[in-house]
């Protein structure tokens, strides 16, 4: 997926490309719990890169809580 911003003349001023994979496992609980794992690489317009790794992110049903309740997020650009 690439997200690009242009100025009024149509010139690209910002571009970010994300590549990677994400997996989601659903539990048999009621309500179901989702566990998310994956990794993404971000490439920006100047060619620099950063990575984000998602490991064991636990998401309950949206009816219960909209935020992760466990897991780790690593990497990323600072």
Protein backbone atom coordinates (compact mmCIF):
# COMPACT_ATOMS: atom_id res chain seq x y z
CA UNK A 1 0.00 0.00 0.00
CA UNK A 2 1.36 3.44 -0.91
CA UNK A 3 0.04 6.72 0.43
CA UNK A 4 1.08 9.83 -1.49
CA UNK A 5 0.46 13.52 -0.88
CA UNK A 6 0.78 16.09 -3.62
CA UNK A 7 0.86 19.87 -3.64
CA UNK A 8 -1.47 22.12 -5.68
CA UNK A 9 0.68 21.66 -8.81
CA UNK A 10 0.51 17.85 -8.53
CA UNK A 11 4.11 17.37 -7.39
CA UNK A 12 4.61 14.58 -4.83
CA UNK A 13 5.60 16.10 -1.47
CA UNK A 14 5.25 13.01 0.73
CA UNK A 15 5.04 9.31 0.01
CA UNK A 16 4.98 6.29 2.32
CA UNK A 17 4.87 2.66 1.17
CA UNK A 18 3.98 -0.12 3.62
CA UNK A 19 4.82 -3.74 2.86
CA UNK A 20 4.51 -6.77 5.08
CA UNK A 21 2.08 -9.28 6.49
CA UNK A 22 -0.40 -9.43 9.32
CA UNK A 23 -2.14 -12.48 10.75
CA UNK A 24 -5.19 -12.54 12.99
CA UNK A 25 -6.23 -15.56 15.06
CA UNK A 26 -9.72 -15.70 16.58
CA UNK A 27 -10.42 -17.52 19.83
CA UNK A 28 -13.46 -19.66 20.52
CA UNK A 29 -14.33 -17.49 23.55
CA UNK A 30 -17.57 -15.55 23.75
CA UNK A 31 -17.11 -12.76 22.90
CA UNK A 32 -14.25 -13.72 20.58
CA UNK A 33 -10.74 -12.43 21.26
CA UNK A 34 -8.40 -11.57 18.35
CA UNK A 35 -4.62 -12.06 18.55
CA UNK A 36 -2.61 -10.11 15.97
CA UNK A 37 0.96 -10.82 14.81
CA UNK A 38 2.96 -9.41 11.89
CA UNK A 39 5.61 -7.05 10.60
CA UNK A 40 5.62 -4.06 8.28
CA UNK A 41 8.38 -2.15 6.53
CA UNK A 42 7.83 1.54 5.82
CA UNK A 43 9.69 3.20 2.92
CA UNK A 44 9.46 6.99 2.65
CA UNK A 45 10.05 9.30 -0.32
CA UNK A 46 13.79 9.71 0.34
CA UNK A 47 14.27 5.91 0.41
CA UNK A 48 14.81 5.59 4.16
CA UNK A 49 13.09 2.69 5.88
CA UNK A 50 11.68 1.75 9.26
CA UNK A 51 10.04 -1.39 10.58
CA UNK A 52 7.21 -2.19 12.96
CA UNK A 53 6.72 -5.62 14.50
CA UNK A 54 3.45 -6.65 16.14
CA UNK A 55 3.66 -9.64 18.46
CA UNK A 56 0.77 -11.11 20.41
CA UNK A 57 -1.46 -8.03 20.31
CA UNK A 58 -4.69 -9.11 22.04
CA UNK A 59 -7.88 -7.35 21.02
CA UNK A 60 -11.19 -8.20 22.66
CA UNK A 61 -14.49 -7.62 20.93
CA UNK A 62 -15.08 -3.96 20.04
CA UNK A 63 -18.15 -4.14 22.27
CA UNK A 64 -15.87 -4.83 25.25
CA UNK A 65 -12.83 -2.56 24.68
CA UNK A 66 -11.45 -0.68 21.62
CA UNK A 67 -7.78 -0.85 22.78
CA UNK A 68 -5.18 -3.67 22.88
CA UNK A 69 -4.95 -5.46 26.23
CA UNK A 70 -1.62 -7.23 25.76
CA UNK A 71 1.34 -7.86 23.46
CA UNK A 72 4.32 -5.88 22.30
CA UNK A 73 5.05 -3.37 19.55
CA UNK A 74 8.67 -3.09 18.51
CA UNK A 75 10.75 -1.25 15.95
CA UNK A 76 9.57 1.91 14.30
CA UNK A 77 11.32 5.13 13.36
CA UNK A 78 12.12 7.63 16.09
